[in-house]
């Protein structure tokens, strides 16, 4: 897998609106979206990938998927729900 860095992306306006409408101001998902999403760019991770090969998934997107999964697991743990 190789990384062909794309231009930094801004969060789509529709997604910003949904987040502001559906999520409380102190919601961790909202924090991630509003404050962290645009801070990280694929070019920051380019040195971790070889120059040749099939295109890789965006490391930024993969990192945020990992964050979302962990936020959910912590919320379940705090609610006393056993991990699956």
C-alpha atoms as a PDB file:
ATOM      1  CA  UNK A   1       0.000   0.000   0.000  1.00  0.00           C
ATOM      2  CA  UNK A   2       1.152   3.500  -0.754  1.00  0.00           C
ATOM      3  CA  UNK A   3      -0.211   6.865   0.227  1.00  0.00           C
ATOM      4  CA  UNK A   4      -0.933   9.529  -2.343  1.00  0.00           C
ATOM      5  CA  UNK A   5      -1.742  12.438  -0.020  1.00  0.00           C
ATOM      6  CA  UNK A   6      -4.863  14.361  -0.921  1.00  0.00           C
ATOM      7  CA  UNK A   7      -5.508  18.005  -0.241  1.00  0.00           C
ATOM      8  CA  UNK A   8      -6.738  18.718   3.301  1.00  0.00           C
ATOM      9  CA  UNK A   9     -10.487  18.359   3.518  1.00  0.00           C
ATOM     10  CA  UNK A  10     -12.868  20.601   5.337  1.00  0.00           C
ATOM     11  CA  UNK A  11     -15.794  19.020   7.090  1.00  0.00           C
ATOM     12  CA  UNK A  12     -18.867  19.233   4.829  1.00  0.00           C
ATOM     13  CA  UNK A  13     -21.363  21.913   5.817  1.00  0.00           C
ATOM     14  CA  UNK A  14     -24.172  19.345   6.083  1.00  0.00           C
ATOM     15  CA  UNK A  15     -22.128  17.273   8.536  1.00  0.00           C
ATOM     16  CA  UNK A  16     -21.317  20.372  10.599  1.00  0.00           C
ATOM     17  CA  UNK A  17     -25.021  21.232  10.745  1.00  0.00           C
ATOM     18  CA  UNK A  18     -25.996  17.706  11.803  1.00  0.00           C
ATOM     19  CA  UNK A  19     -23.323  17.641  14.501  1.00  0.00           C
ATOM     20  CA  UNK A  20     -24.395  21.011  15.871  1.00  0.00           C
ATOM     21  CA  UNK A  21     -28.067  20.004  15.795  1.00  0.00           C
ATOM     22  CA  UNK A  22     -27.883  16.443  17.131  1.00  0.00           C
ATOM     23  CA  UNK A  23     -24.916  16.476  19.508  1.00  0.00           C
ATOM     24  CA  UNK A  24     -24.631  18.322  22.794  1.00  0.00           C
ATOM     25  CA  UNK A  25     -21.800  20.893  22.977  1.00  0.00           C
ATOM     26  CA  UNK A  26     -19.815  18.674  25.375  1.00  0.00           C
ATOM     27  CA  UNK A  27     -20.290  15.476  23.323  1.00  0.00           C
ATOM     28  CA  UNK A  28     -16.908  13.825  22.586  1.00  0.00           C
ATOM     29  CA  UNK A  29     -17.870  13.101  18.970  1.00  0.00           C
ATOM     30  CA  UNK A  30     -18.601  16.775  18.439  1.00  0.00           C
ATOM     31  CA  UNK A  31     -15.245  17.722  19.960  1.00  0.00           C
ATOM     32  CA  UNK A  32     -13.460  15.362  17.560  1.00  0.00           C
ATOM     33  CA  UNK A  33     -15.336  16.737  14.574  1.00  0.00           C
ATOM     34  CA  UNK A  34     -15.078  20.415  15.364  1.00  0.00           C
ATOM     35  CA  UNK A  35     -11.577  20.635  16.792  1.00  0.00           C
ATOM     36  CA  UNK A  36      -9.534  17.733  15.483  1.00  0.00           C
ATOM     37  CA  UNK A  37     -10.811  16.782  12.012  1.00  0.00           C
ATOM     38  CA  UNK A  38      -9.139  19.577  10.052  1.00  0.00           C
ATOM     39  CA  UNK A  39      -5.975  19.569  12.180  1.00  0.00           C
ATOM     40  CA  UNK A  40      -4.580  16.340  10.701  1.00  0.00           C
ATOM     41  CA  UNK A  41      -3.616  15.868   7.069  1.00  0.00           C
ATOM     42  CA  UNK A  42      -2.601  12.827   5.066  1.00  0.00           C
ATOM     43  CA  UNK A  43       0.740  14.410   4.197  1.00  0.00           C
ATOM     44  CA  UNK A  44       1.694  14.143   7.883  1.00  0.00           C
ATOM     45  CA  UNK A  45       1.606  10.341   7.514  1.00  0.00           C
ATOM     46  CA  UNK A  46       3.196  10.018   4.058  1.00  0.00           C
ATOM     47  CA  UNK A  47       6.611   8.937   5.409  1.00  0.00           C
ATOM     48  CA  UNK A  48       5.013   5.839   6.949  1.00  0.00           C
ATOM     49  CA  UNK A  49       4.031   4.446   3.527  1.00  0.00           C
ATOM     50  CA  UNK A  50       6.127   3.135   0.617  1.00  0.00           C
ATOM     51  CA  UNK A  51       6.262   5.113  -2.628  1.00  0.00           C
ATOM     52  CA  UNK A  52       4.799   2.325  -4.771  1.00  0.00           C
ATOM     53  CA  UNK A  53       1.804   0.032  -4.497  1.00  0.00           C
ATOM     54  CA  UNK A  54      -1.951   0.192  -4.355  1.00  0.00           C
ATOM     55  CA  UNK A  55      -3.467   3.308  -2.819  1.00  0.00           C
ATOM     56  CA  UNK A  56      -4.012   3.039   0.926  1.00  0.00           C
ATOM     57  CA  UNK A  57      -7.010   4.150   2.920  1.00  0.00           C
ATOM     58  CA  UNK A  58      -6.655   7.575   4.439  1.00  0.00           C
ATOM     59  CA  UNK A  59      -4.678   7.279   7.694  1.00  0.00           C
ATOM     60  CA  UNK A  60      -6.570  10.302   9.019  1.00  0.00           C
ATOM     61  CA  UNK A  61      -9.931   8.609   8.431  1.00  0.00           C
ATOM     62  CA  UNK A  62      -8.647   5.371   9.958  1.00  0.00           C
ATOM     63  CA  UNK A  63      -7.420   7.241  13.034  1.00  0.00           C
ATOM     64  CA  UNK A  64     -10.801   8.883  13.541  1.00  0.00           C
ATOM     65  CA  UNK A  65     -12.593   5.548  13.156  1.00  0.00           C
ATOM     66  CA  UNK A  66     -10.347   4.223  15.918  1.00  0.00           C
ATOM     67  CA  UNK A  67     -11.154   7.230  18.099  1.00  0.00           C
ATOM     68  CA  UNK A  68     -14.902   6.753  17.533  1.00  0.00           C
ATOM     69  CA  UNK A  69     -14.728   3.057  18.432  1.00  0.00           C
ATOM     70  CA  UNK A  70     -12.795   3.807  21.615  1.00  0.00           C
ATOM     71  CA  UNK A  71     -15.169   6.589  22.665  1.00  0.00           C
ATOM     72  CA  UNK A  72     -18.038   4.126  22.298  1.00  0.00           C
ATOM     73  CA  UNK A  73     -16.215   1.443  24.294  1.00  0.00           C
ATOM     74  CA  UNK A  74     -15.389   3.878  27.114  1.00  0.00           C
ATOM     75  CA  UNK A  75     -19.015   5.030  27.226  1.00  0.00           C
ATOM     76  CA  UNK A  76     -20.188   1.413  27.461  1.00  0.00           C
ATOM     77  CA  UNK A  77     -17.625   0.661  30.157  1.00  0.00           C
ATOM     78  CA  UNK A  78     -18.692   3.690  32.190  1.00  0.00           C
ATOM     79  CA  UNK A  79     -22.327   2.557  31.881  1.00  0.00           C
ATOM     80  CA  UNK A  80     -21.382  -0.854  33.249  1.00  0.00           C
ATOM     81  CA  UNK A  81     -22.005  -2.719  29.994  1.00  0.00           C
ATOM     82  CA  UNK A  82     -19.644  -5.640  29.409  1.00  0.00           C
ATOM     83  CA  UNK A  83     -17.546  -5.429  26.204  1.00  0.00           C
ATOM     84  CA  UNK A  84     -18.610  -7.715  23.406  1.00  0.00           C
END
